Amino acid sequence: MLDHLVYAGPDLAEAVARVTELTGVTPAPGGRHVGVGTANHLADLGAGMYLEVIGPDPAQPEPGRPRPFGIDDLTEPALVAWAVRTTDLDATIAAARSHGFDPGDAIEMSRETGDGELLRWRLTPPSPPGTLHPFLIDWGGTPHPTTRGLPSLPLLMVTGHHPDPDSVLAVTDALGLELLVRRADRAGLTAAVRTPEGRQVALS
């Protein structure tokens, strides 16, 4: 199932402000990805899903490798990735490989919350920007972010657009997923969310 959507930008505060301006909901501070050079804010999308707003962490030094999700190359905030939750990451990776898609090897990740708690999880590397391939995440024994009283921003629908929709559908088929992908000149995601006033707003 969909775990979270990633809305990334070259400036974290600007990305959070953009979401707030569009939706009227301000994502709550999540924490810092120590050593990765990023931090995030979160909003609850409903049904066990959430929106991650991520960008460079001004409190950390420049990382020794590029930040994930192509953040270093972004010029404005955008919905750049989607994560699929599994409770057995290794088995899901093996099954995907048997169906022709290699999501990459599992890596350990962690995040320090504002109150000093260290959260740990495992995931596959985020796919290169423009592929629309999801990455996989397994929270293990860590409580899911949606259990932390996040501000609500209900998700209505997620769609993709890509110059070669079949290349995306081959991957979603390998993972047993469904995503509506329309043909377009550029690759991207669009999420329709409902604001507290009942308006429908698109994040892309």
Foldseek 3Di string as FASTA:
>chain_A
DWQEWEKEEADQVQSQVVCCVQFVFGFAWFFDFPLLQKGWGWADQDPNHIYTYMHGDPVHDDHPDHHAQCRVVHPGIAGWATEDEDQDVVVLQVLLVVLPDHLADKDKTWGQGPVGDIAIWIKGGTDPTQQRQHIYIHRHPGDRPVVVPIHHWHWDAKAKEHQDVVSRVSSCVSNVHDHHYHYDPTIGMWIWTAHPVGDTGIGD
